[in-house]
PDB file of N, CA and C in Angstrom:
ATOM      1  N   MET A   1       0.833  -1.171   0.000  1.00  0.00           N
ATOM      2  CA  MET A   1       0.000   0.000   0.000  1.00  0.00           C
ATOM      3  C   MET A   1       0.887   1.247   0.000  1.00  0.00           C
ATOM      4  N   LYS A   2       0.391   2.290  -0.634  1.00  0.00           N
ATOM      5  CA  LYS A   2       1.114   3.556  -0.690  1.00  0.00           C
ATOM      6  C   LYS A   2       0.325   4.625   0.052  1.00  0.00           C
ATOM      7  N   LEU A   3       1.069   5.501   0.733  1.00  0.00           N
ATOM      8  CA  LEU A   3       0.452   6.572   1.489  1.00  0.00           C
ATOM      9  C   LEU A   3       1.447   7.713   1.582  1.00  0.00           C
ATOM     10  N   ALA A   4       0.952   8.949   1.490  1.00  0.00           N
ATOM     11  CA  ALA A   4       1.810  10.125   1.632  1.00  0.00           C
ATOM     12  C   ALA A   4       1.322  10.956   2.813  1.00  0.00           C
ATOM     13  N   TYR A   5       2.260  11.476   3.568  1.00  0.00           N
ATOM     14  CA  TYR A   5       1.970  12.388   4.670  1.00  0.00           C
ATOM     15  C   TYR A   5       2.496  13.764   4.279  1.00  0.00           C
ATOM     16  N   LEU A   6       1.641  14.780   4.347  1.00  0.00           N
ATOM     17  CA  LEU A   6       2.046  16.160   4.095  1.00  0.00           C
ATOM     18  C   LEU A   6       1.980  16.898   5.420  1.00  0.00           C
ATOM     19  N   LEU A   7       3.138  17.409   5.854  1.00  0.00           N
ATOM     20  CA  LEU A   7       3.240  18.070   7.151  1.00  0.00           C
ATOM     21  C   LEU A   7       3.847  19.456   6.982  1.00  0.00           C
ATOM     22  N   SER A   8       3.605  20.318   7.950  1.00  0.00           N
ATOM     23  CA  SER A   8       4.168  21.665   7.887  1.00  0.00           C
ATOM     24  C   SER A   8       5.666  21.655   8.143  1.00  0.00           C
ATOM     25  N   GLU A   9       6.102  20.836   9.089  1.00  0.00           N
ATOM     26  CA  GLU A   9       7.512  20.739   9.460  1.00  0.00           C
ATOM     27  C   GLU A   9       7.729  19.342  10.034  1.00  0.00           C
ATOM     28  N   TYR A  10       8.713  18.607   9.503  1.00  0.00           N
ATOM     29  CA  TYR A  10       8.905  17.213   9.929  1.00  0.00           C
ATOM     30  C   TYR A  10      10.353  16.805   9.762  1.00  0.00           C
ATOM     31  N   PRO A  11      10.922  16.043  10.662  1.00  0.00           N
ATOM     32  CA  PRO A  11      10.398  15.614  11.950  1.00  0.00           C
ATOM     33  C   PRO A  11      10.619  16.687  13.017  1.00  0.00           C
ATOM     34  N   THR A  12       9.679  16.836  13.915  1.00  0.00           N
ATOM     35  CA  THR A  12       9.791  17.754  15.047  1.00  0.00           C
ATOM     36  C   THR A  12       9.350  17.040  16.313  1.00  0.00           C
ATOM     37  N   LEU A  13       9.667  17.632  17.441  1.00  0.00           N
ATOM     38  CA  LEU A  13       9.253  17.050  18.723  1.00  0.00           C
ATOM     39  C   LEU A  13       7.735  16.965  18.815  1.00  0.00           C
ATOM     40  N   GLY A  14       7.023  17.929  18.206  1.00  0.00           N
ATOM     41  CA  GLY A  14       5.571  17.936  18.247  1.00  0.00           C
ATOM     42  C   GLY A  14       4.916  16.884  17.367  1.00  0.00           C
ATOM     43  N   HIS A  15       5.695  16.246  16.502  1.00  0.00           N
ATOM     44  CA  HIS A  15       5.151  15.224  15.602  1.00  0.00           C
ATOM     45  C   HIS A  15       5.674  13.832  15.934  1.00  0.00           C
ATOM     46  N   THR A  16       6.028  13.604  17.184  1.00  0.00           N
ATOM     47  CA  THR A  16       6.574  12.313  17.596  1.00  0.00           C
ATOM     48  C   THR A  16       5.608  11.174  17.289  1.00  0.00           C
ATOM     49  N   TYR A  17       4.323  11.399  17.518  1.00  0.00           N
ATOM     50  CA  TYR A  17       3.339  10.338  17.247  1.00  0.00           C
ATOM     51  C   TYR A  17       3.288  10.017  15.764  1.00  0.00           C
ATOM     52  N   LEU A  18       3.458  11.031  14.886  1.00  0.00           N
ATOM     53  CA  LEU A  18       3.479  10.773  13.440  1.00  0.00           C
ATOM     54  C   LEU A  18       4.736  10.012  13.047  1.00  0.00           C
ATOM     55  N   LEU A  19       5.849  10.371  13.642  1.00  0.00           N
ATOM     56  CA  LEU A  19       7.099   9.663  13.357  1.00  0.00           C
ATOM     57  C   LEU A  19       6.943   8.188  13.703  1.00  0.00           C
ATOM     58  N   ARG A  20       6.370   7.903  14.856  1.00  0.00           N
ATOM     59  CA  ARG A  20       6.173   6.502  15.257  1.00  0.00           C
ATOM     60  C   ARG A  20       5.212   5.786  14.316  1.00  0.00           C
ATOM     61  N   GLU A  21       4.134   6.470  13.918  1.00  0.00           N
ATOM     62  CA  GLU A  21       3.163   5.867  13.007  1.00  0.00           C
ATOM     63  C   GLU A  21       3.790   5.561  11.649  1.00  0.00           C
ATOM     64  N   VAL A  22       4.529   6.519  11.097  1.00  0.00           N
ATOM     65  CA  VAL A  22       5.183   6.340   9.797  1.00  0.00           C
ATOM     66  C   VAL A  22       6.161   5.168   9.849  1.00  0.00           C
ATOM     67  N   ARG A  23       6.968   5.124  10.885  1.00  0.00           N
ATOM     68  CA  ARG A  23       7.967   4.058  10.989  1.00  0.00           C
ATOM     69  C   ARG A  23       7.303   2.694  11.188  1.00  0.00           C
ATOM     70  N   GLN A  24       6.210   2.643  11.925  1.00  0.00           N
ATOM     71  CA  GLN A  24       5.500   1.379  12.118  1.00  0.00           C
ATOM     72  C   GLN A  24       4.897   0.896  10.801  1.00  0.00           C
ATOM     73  N   LEU A  25       4.262   1.811  10.058  1.00  0.00           N
ATOM     74  CA  LEU A  25       3.673   1.430   8.772  1.00  0.00           C
ATOM     75  C   LEU A  25       4.750   0.948   7.802  1.00  0.00           C
ATOM     76  N   ARG A  26       5.886   1.627   7.783  1.00  0.00           N
ATOM     77  CA  ARG A  26       6.990   1.182   6.916  1.00  0.00           C
ATOM     78  C   ARG A  26       7.463  -0.211   7.313  1.00  0.00           C
ATOM     79  N   SER A  27       7.530  -0.468   8.611  1.00  0.00           N
ATOM     80  CA  SER A  27       7.983  -1.793   9.066  1.00  0.00           C
ATOM     81  C   SER A  27       6.989  -2.885   8.678  1.00  0.00           C
ATOM     82  N   GLU A  28       5.731  -2.499   8.443  1.00  0.00           N
ATOM     83  CA  GLU A  28       4.707  -3.452   8.015  1.00  0.00           C
ATOM     84  C   GLU A  28       4.606  -3.564   6.491  1.00  0.00           C
ATOM     85  N   GLY A  29       5.522  -2.888   5.776  1.00  0.00           N
ATOM     86  CA  GLY A  29       5.573  -3.015   4.331  1.00  0.00           C
ATOM     87  C   GLY A  29       4.887  -1.919   3.535  1.00  0.00           C
ATOM     88  N   TRP A  30       4.347  -0.903   4.186  1.00  0.00           N
ATOM     89  CA  TRP A  30       3.712   0.202   3.474  1.00  0.00           C
ATOM     90  C   TRP A  30       4.777   1.065   2.808  1.00  0.00           C
ATOM     91  N   ASP A  31       4.452   1.625   1.660  1.00  0.00           N
ATOM     92  CA  ASP A  31       5.309   2.577   0.952  1.00  0.00           C
ATOM     93  C   ASP A  31       4.859   3.970   1.387  1.00  0.00           C
ATOM     94  N   ILE A  32       5.582   4.565   2.324  1.00  0.00           N
ATOM     95  CA  ILE A  32       5.211   5.849   2.902  1.00  0.00           C
ATOM     96  C   ILE A  32       6.143   6.931   2.372  1.00  0.00           C
ATOM     97  N   GLN A  33       5.556   8.018   1.849  1.00  0.00           N
ATOM     98  CA  GLN A  33       6.326   9.192   1.428  1.00  0.00           C
ATOM     99  C   GLN A  33       5.984  10.327   2.382  1.00  0.00           C
ATOM    100  N   THR A  34       6.986  10.853   3.064  1.00  0.00           N
ATOM    101  CA  THR A  34       6.760  12.008   3.925  1.00  0.00           C
ATOM    102  C   THR A  34       7.195  13.263   3.181  1.00  0.00           C
ATOM    103  N   ILE A  35       6.309  14.258   3.196  1.00  0.00           N
ATOM    104  CA  ILE A  35       6.542  15.527   2.515  1.00  0.00           C
ATOM    105  C   ILE A  35       6.331  16.617   3.550  1.00  0.00           C
ATOM    106  N   SER A  36       7.277  17.528   3.657  1.00  0.00           N
ATOM    107  CA  SER A  36       7.181  18.609   4.628  1.00  0.00           C
ATOM    108  C   SER A  36       7.346  19.941   3.906  1.00  0.00           C
ATOM    109  N   VAL A  37       6.572  20.917   4.333  1.00  0.00           N
ATOM    110  CA  VAL A  37       6.691  22.245   3.741  1.00  0.00           C
ATOM    111  C   VAL A  37       8.065  22.822   4.054  1.00  0.00           C
ATOM    112  N   ARG A  38       8.496  22.689   5.305  1.00  0.00           N
ATOM    113  CA  ARG A  38       9.787  23.243   5.737  1.00  0.00           C
ATOM    114  C   ARG A  38      10.623  22.185   6.458  1.00  0.00           C
ATOM    115  N   ARG A  39      11.926  22.406   6.433  1.00  0.00           N
ATOM    116  CA  ARG A  39      12.814  21.585   7.261  1.00  0.00           C
ATOM    117  C   ARG A  39      12.604  21.981   8.715  1.00  0.00           C
ATOM    118  N   PRO A  40      12.860  21.085   9.646  1.00  0.00           N
ATOM    119  CA  PRO A  40      12.700  21.441  11.055  1.00  0.00           C
ATOM    120  C   PRO A  40      13.688  22.527  11.474  1.00  0.00           C
ATOM    121  N   GLY A  41      13.226  23.402  12.335  1.00  0.00           N
ATOM    122  CA  GLY A  41      14.063  24.492  12.832  1.00  0.00           C
ATOM    123  C   GLY A  41      14.967  24.021  13.962  1.00  0.00           C
ATOM    124  N   PRO A  42      15.665  24.977  14.564  1.00  0.00           N
ATOM    125  CA  PRO A  42      16.551  24.637  15.685  1.00  0.00           C
ATOM    126  C   PRO A  42      15.761  24.007  16.830  1.00  0.00           C
ATOM    127  N   ARG A  43      16.420  23.137  17.559  1.00  0.00           N
ATOM    128  CA  ARG A  43      15.767  22.465  18.680  1.00  0.00           C
ATOM    129  C   ARG A  43      16.732  22.331  19.836  1.00  0.00           C
ATOM    130  N   PRO A  44      16.193  22.168  21.039  1.00  0.00           N
ATOM    131  CA  PRO A  44      17.061  22.133  22.225  1.00  0.00           C
ATOM    132  C   PRO A  44      17.894  20.860  22.350  1.00  0.00           C
ATOM    133  N   SER A  45      17.473  19.781  21.711  1.00  0.00           N
ATOM    134  CA  SER A  45      18.212  18.518  21.817  1.00  0.00           C
ATOM    135  C   SER A  45      18.545  18.006  20.419  1.00  0.00           C
ATOM    136  N   PRO A  46      19.598  17.187  20.308  1.00  0.00           N
ATOM    137  CA  PRO A  46      19.946  16.631  18.998  1.00  0.00           C
ATOM    138  C   PRO A  46      18.884  15.656  18.503  1.00  0.00           C
ATOM    139  N   LEU A  47      18.877  15.431  17.197  1.00  0.00           N
ATOM    140  CA  LEU A  47      17.941  14.476  16.604  1.00  0.00           C
ATOM    141  C   LEU A  47      18.267  13.065  17.069  1.00  0.00           C
ATOM    142  N   SER A  48      17.230  12.282  17.297  1.00  0.00           N
ATOM    143  CA  SER A  48      17.437  10.859  17.594  1.00  0.00           C
ATOM    144  C   SER A  48      17.825  10.165  16.291  1.00  0.00           C
ATOM    145  N   GLU A  49      18.220   8.919  16.381  1.00  0.00           N
ATOM    146  CA  GLU A  49      18.579   8.152  15.179  1.00  0.00           C
ATOM    147  C   GLU A  49      17.377   8.046  14.236  1.00  0.00           C
ATOM    148  N   ALA A  50      16.190   7.775  14.802  1.00  0.00           N
ATOM    149  CA  ALA A  50      14.973   7.660  13.990  1.00  0.00           C
ATOM    150  C   ALA A  50      14.641   8.995  13.312  1.00  0.00           C
ATOM    151  N   GLU A  51      14.794  10.100  14.054  1.00  0.00           N
ATOM    152  CA  GLU A  51      14.513  11.418  13.470  1.00  0.00           C
ATOM    153  C   GLU A  51      15.501  11.751  12.357  1.00  0.00           C
ATOM    154  N   ALA A  52      16.760  11.395  12.548  1.00  0.00           N
ATOM    155  CA  ALA A  52      17.769  11.651  11.515  1.00  0.00           C
ATOM    156  C   ALA A  52      17.460  10.859  10.247  1.00  0.00           C
ATOM    157  N   GLU A  53      16.997   9.619  10.404  1.00  0.00           N
ATOM    158  CA  GLU A  53      16.617   8.811   9.241  1.00  0.00           C
ATOM    159  C   GLU A  53      15.414   9.420   8.531  1.00  0.00           C
ATOM    160  N   GLU A  54      14.439   9.897   9.300  1.00  0.00           N
ATOM    161  CA  GLU A  54      13.259  10.529   8.701  1.00  0.00           C
ATOM    162  C   GLU A  54      13.627  11.834   8.005  1.00  0.00           C
ATOM    163  N   LEU A  55      14.561  12.569   8.571  1.00  0.00           N
ATOM    164  CA  LEU A  55      15.020  13.814   7.949  1.00  0.00           C
ATOM    165  C   LEU A  55      15.573  13.540   6.554  1.00  0.00           C
ATOM    166  N   GLN A  56      16.316  12.447   6.420  1.00  0.00           N
ATOM    167  CA  GLN A  56      16.886  12.080   5.120  1.00  0.00           C
ATOM    168  C   GLN A  56      15.839  11.537   4.148  1.00  0.00           C
ATOM    169  N   ALA A  57      14.793  10.897   4.663  1.00  0.00           N
ATOM    170  CA  ALA A  57      13.777  10.269   3.815  1.00  0.00           C
ATOM    171  C   ALA A  57      12.655  11.226   3.406  1.00  0.00           C
ATOM    172  N   THR A  58      12.605  12.403   4.009  1.00  0.00           N
ATOM    173  CA  THR A  58      11.516  13.350   3.766  1.00  0.00           C
ATOM    174  C   THR A  58      11.865  14.300   2.638  1.00  0.00           C
ATOM    175  N   TRP A  59      10.867  14.591   1.790  1.00  0.00           N
ATOM    176  CA  TRP A  59      11.022  15.569   0.718  1.00  0.00           C
ATOM    177  C   TRP A  59      10.527  16.913   1.225  1.00  0.00           C
ATOM    178  N   TYR A  60      11.349  17.969   1.061  1.00  0.00           N
ATOM    179  CA  TYR A  60      11.032  19.298   1.572  1.00  0.00           C
ATOM    180  C   TYR A  60      10.679  20.233   0.420  1.00  0.00           C
ATOM    181  N   ILE A  61       9.527  20.865   0.526  1.00  0.00           N
ATOM    182  CA  ILE A  61       9.024  21.725  -0.539  1.00  0.00           C
ATOM    183  C   ILE A  61       9.806  23.020  -0.638  1.00  0.00           C
ATOM    184  N   VAL A  62       9.934  23.749   0.463  1.00  0.00           N
ATOM    185  CA  VAL A  62      10.550  25.078   0.440  1.00  0.00           C
ATOM    186  C   VAL A  62      12.023  25.011   0.089  1.00  0.00           C
ATOM    187  N   SER A  63      12.731  24.005   0.558  1.00  0.00           N
ATOM    188  CA  SER A  63      14.169  23.939   0.300  1.00  0.00           C
ATOM    189  C   SER A  63      14.511  23.306  -1.043  1.00  0.00           C
ATOM    190  N   SER A  64      13.509  22.874  -1.784  1.00  0.00           N
ATOM    191  CA  SER A  64      13.749  22.211  -3.056  1.00  0.00           C
ATOM    192  C   SER A  64      13.873  23.216  -4.196  1.00  0.00           C
ATOM    193  N   GLY A  65      14.679  22.871  -5.172  1.00  0.00           N
ATOM    194  CA  GLY A  65      14.783  23.684  -6.371  1.00  0.00           C
ATOM    195  C   GLY A  65      13.633  23.381  -7.315  1.00  0.00           C
ATOM    196  N   ALA A  66      13.475  24.190  -8.337  1.00  0.00           N
ATOM    197  CA  ALA A  66      12.368  24.048  -9.286  1.00  0.00           C
ATOM    198  C   ALA A  66      12.419  22.698 -10.008  1.00  0.00           C
ATOM    199  N   LEU A  67      13.590  22.271 -10.430  1.00  0.00           N
ATOM    200  CA  LEU A  67      13.718  21.010 -11.151  1.00  0.00           C
ATOM    201  C   LEU A  67      13.325  19.824 -10.265  1.00  0.00           C
ATOM    202  N   GLU A  68      13.820  19.822  -9.031  1.00  0.00           N
ATOM    203  CA  GLU A  68      13.479  18.748  -8.101  1.00  0.00           C
ATOM    204  C   GLU A  68      11.979  18.745  -7.808  1.00  0.00           C
ATOM    205  N   HIS A  69      11.395  19.932  -7.661  1.00  0.00           N
ATOM    206  CA  HIS A  69       9.958  20.040  -7.402  1.00  0.00           C
ATOM    207  C   HIS A  69       9.155  19.436  -8.560  1.00  0.00           C
ATOM    208  N   CYS A  70       9.511  19.772  -9.790  1.00  0.00           N
ATOM    209  CA  CYS A  70       8.791  19.257 -10.963  1.00  0.00           C
ATOM    210  C   CYS A  70       8.931  17.737 -11.074  1.00  0.00           C
ATOM    211  N   ALA A  71      10.127  17.216 -10.844  1.00  0.00           N
ATOM    212  CA  ALA A  71      10.348  15.773 -10.933  1.00  0.00           C
ATOM    213  C   ALA A  71       9.547  15.038  -9.864  1.00  0.00           C
ATOM    214  N   SER A  72       9.527  15.581  -8.666  1.00  0.00           N
ATOM    215  CA  SER A  72       8.767  14.945  -7.586  1.00  0.00           C
ATOM    216  C   SER A  72       7.274  14.988  -7.866  1.00  0.00           C
ATOM    217  N   HIS A  73       6.799  16.119  -8.406  1.00  0.00           N
ATOM    218  CA  HIS A  73       5.376  16.247  -8.734  1.00  0.00           C
ATOM    219  C   HIS A  73       4.994  15.207  -9.793  1.00  0.00           C
ATOM    220  N   ALA A  74       5.833  15.042 -10.801  1.00  0.00           N
ATOM    221  CA  ALA A  74       5.536  14.070 -11.862  1.00  0.00           C
ATOM    222  C   ALA A  74       5.491  12.654 -11.282  1.00  0.00           C
ATOM    223  N   ALA A  75       6.414  12.321 -10.397  1.00  0.00           N
ATOM    224  CA  ALA A  75       6.428  10.988  -9.793  1.00  0.00           C
ATOM    225  C   ALA A  75       5.213  10.779  -8.905  1.00  0.00           C
ATOM    226  N   THR A  76       4.823  11.798  -8.181  1.00  0.00           N
ATOM    227  CA  THR A  76       3.649  11.687  -7.313  1.00  0.00           C
ATOM    228  C   THR A  76       2.391  11.496  -8.137  1.00  0.00           C
ATOM    229  N   ARG A  77       2.251  12.225  -9.231  1.00  0.00           N
ATOM    230  CA  ARG A  77       1.079  12.089 -10.098  1.00  0.00           C
ATOM    231  C   ARG A  77       1.017  10.677 -10.690  1.00  0.00           C
ATOM    232  N   ARG A  78       2.167  10.084 -10.965  1.00  0.00           N
ATOM    233  CA  ARG A  78       2.206   8.730 -11.518  1.00  0.00           C
ATOM    234  C   ARG A  78       1.832   7.709 -10.441  1.00  0.00           C
ATOM    235  N   ASP A  79       2.378   7.872  -9.249  1.00  0.00           N
ATOM    236  CA  ASP A  79       2.185   6.884  -8.185  1.00  0.00           C
ATOM    237  C   ASP A  79       0.860   7.007  -7.456  1.00  0.00           C
ATOM    238  N   TYR A  80       0.301   8.227  -7.396  1.00  0.00           N
ATOM    239  CA  TYR A  80      -0.950   8.469  -6.682  1.00  0.00           C
ATOM    240  C   TYR A  80      -1.934   9.090  -7.656  1.00  0.00           C
ATOM    241  N   PRO A  81      -2.749   8.269  -8.345  1.00  0.00           N
ATOM    242  CA  PRO A  81      -3.641   8.789  -9.376  1.00  0.00           C
ATOM    243  C   PRO A  81      -4.705   9.723  -8.808  1.00  0.00           C
ATOM    244  N   HIS A  82      -5.171  10.608  -9.663  1.00  0.00           N
ATOM    245  CA  HIS A  82      -6.218  11.557  -9.283  1.00  0.00           C
ATOM    246  C   HIS A  82      -7.489  10.784  -8.915  1.00  0.00           C
ATOM    247  N   PRO A  83      -8.190  11.192  -7.838  1.00  0.00           N
ATOM    248  CA  PRO A  83      -9.390  10.449  -7.406  1.00  0.00           C
ATOM    249  C   PRO A  83     -10.449  10.297  -8.496  1.00  0.00           C
ATOM    250  N   LEU A  84     -10.649  11.309  -9.327  1.00  0.00           N
ATOM    251  CA  LEU A  84     -11.656  11.192 -10.375  1.00  0.00           C
ATOM    252  C   LEU A  84     -11.264  10.156 -11.418  1.00  0.00           C
ATOM    253  N   ARG A  85      -9.983  10.033 -11.699  1.00  0.00           N
ATOM    254  CA  ARG A  85      -9.525   9.017 -12.638  1.00  0.00           C
ATOM    255  C   ARG A  85      -9.768   7.624 -12.064  1.00  0.00           C
ATOM    256  N   VAL A  86      -9.588   7.473 -10.763  1.00  0.00           N
ATOM    257  CA  VAL A  86      -9.847   6.186 -10.122  1.00  0.00           C
ATOM    258  C   VAL A  86     -11.314   5.823 -10.271  1.00  0.00           C
ATOM    259  N   LEU A  87     -12.209   6.784 -10.017  1.00  0.00           N
ATOM    260  CA  LEU A  87     -13.640   6.524 -10.154  1.00  0.00           C
ATOM    261  C   LEU A  87     -14.012   6.224 -11.598  1.00  0.00           C
ATOM    262  N   HIS A  88     -13.444   6.969 -12.541  1.00  0.00           N
ATOM    263  CA  HIS A  88     -13.735   6.779 -13.958  1.00  0.00           C
ATOM    264  C   HIS A  88     -13.345   5.378 -14.429  1.00  0.00           C
ATOM    265  N   ASN A  89     -12.252   4.852 -13.881  1.00  0.00           N
ATOM    266  CA  ASN A  89     -11.772   3.528 -14.281  1.00  0.00           C
ATOM    267  C   ASN A  89     -12.434   2.410 -13.471  1.00  0.00           C
ATOM    268  N   GLY A  90     -13.491   2.740 -12.768  1.00  0.00           N
ATOM    269  CA  GLY A  90     -14.202   1.720 -12.001  1.00  0.00           C
ATOM    270  C   GLY A  90     -13.393   1.168 -10.837  1.00  0.00           C
ATOM    271  N   GLY A  91     -12.467   1.965 -10.343  1.00  0.00           N
ATOM    272  CA  GLY A  91     -11.673   1.524  -9.206  1.00  0.00           C
ATOM    273  C   GLY A  91     -10.457   0.693  -9.596  1.00  0.00           C
ATOM    274  N   ALA A  92     -10.188   0.577 -10.899  1.00  0.00           N
ATOM    275  CA  ALA A  92      -9.052  -0.235 -11.361  1.00  0.00           C
ATOM    276  C   ALA A  92      -7.738   0.276 -10.798  1.00  0.00           C
ATOM    277  N   ASN A  93      -7.646   1.583 -10.533  1.00  0.00           N
ATOM    278  CA  ASN A  93      -6.423   2.163  -9.984  1.00  0.00           C
ATOM    279  C   ASN A  93      -6.596   2.544  -8.524  1.00  0.00           C
ATOM    280  N   SER A  94      -7.481   1.879  -7.830  1.00  0.00           N
ATOM    281  CA  SER A  94      -7.742   2.237  -6.442  1.00  0.00           C
ATOM    282  C   SER A  94      -6.512   1.969  -5.596  1.00  0.00           C
ATOM    283  N   VAL A  95      -6.497   2.552  -4.420  1.00  0.00           N
ATOM    284  CA  VAL A  95      -5.358   2.408  -3.518  1.00  0.00           C
ATOM    285  C   VAL A  95      -5.094   0.933  -3.224  1.00  0.00           C
ATOM    286  N   ALA A  96      -6.148   0.138  -3.102  1.00  0.00           N
ATOM    287  CA  ALA A  96      -5.960  -1.280  -2.811  1.00  0.00           C
ATOM    288  C   ALA A  96      -5.243  -2.009  -3.941  1.00  0.00           C
ATOM    289  N   ASN A  97      -5.326  -1.480  -5.165  1.00  0.00           N
ATOM    290  CA  ASN A  97      -4.693  -2.137  -6.309  1.00  0.00           C
ATOM    291  C   ASN A  97      -3.327  -1.572  -6.640  1.00  0.00           C
ATOM    292  N   LEU A  98      -2.866  -0.559  -5.914  1.00  0.00           N
ATOM    293  CA  LEU A  98      -1.560   0.038  -6.230  1.00  0.00           C
ATOM    294  C   LEU A  98      -0.441  -0.837  -5.756  1.00  0.00           C
TER     295      LEU A  98
END
């Protein structure tokens, strides 16, 4: 199964429950893409090992260049079809079939 998370800032101390959820789903075989508007800001403590791994696995919108943004958008459109297209195809491209 594929799933994308869009967050304002990730990973942060305030999103610990999301970090745990994402990592658990990945361990169960889900294809999870984390997308954050911004990179996390300064924090009082260093990143944990899990947070550092998530930092590397997350795609950041604001810090991305135009070319990277376009390539990621094209890949997302390919991997996550538009809901109306799914309905038009009778569910042939539904999330369960991805």
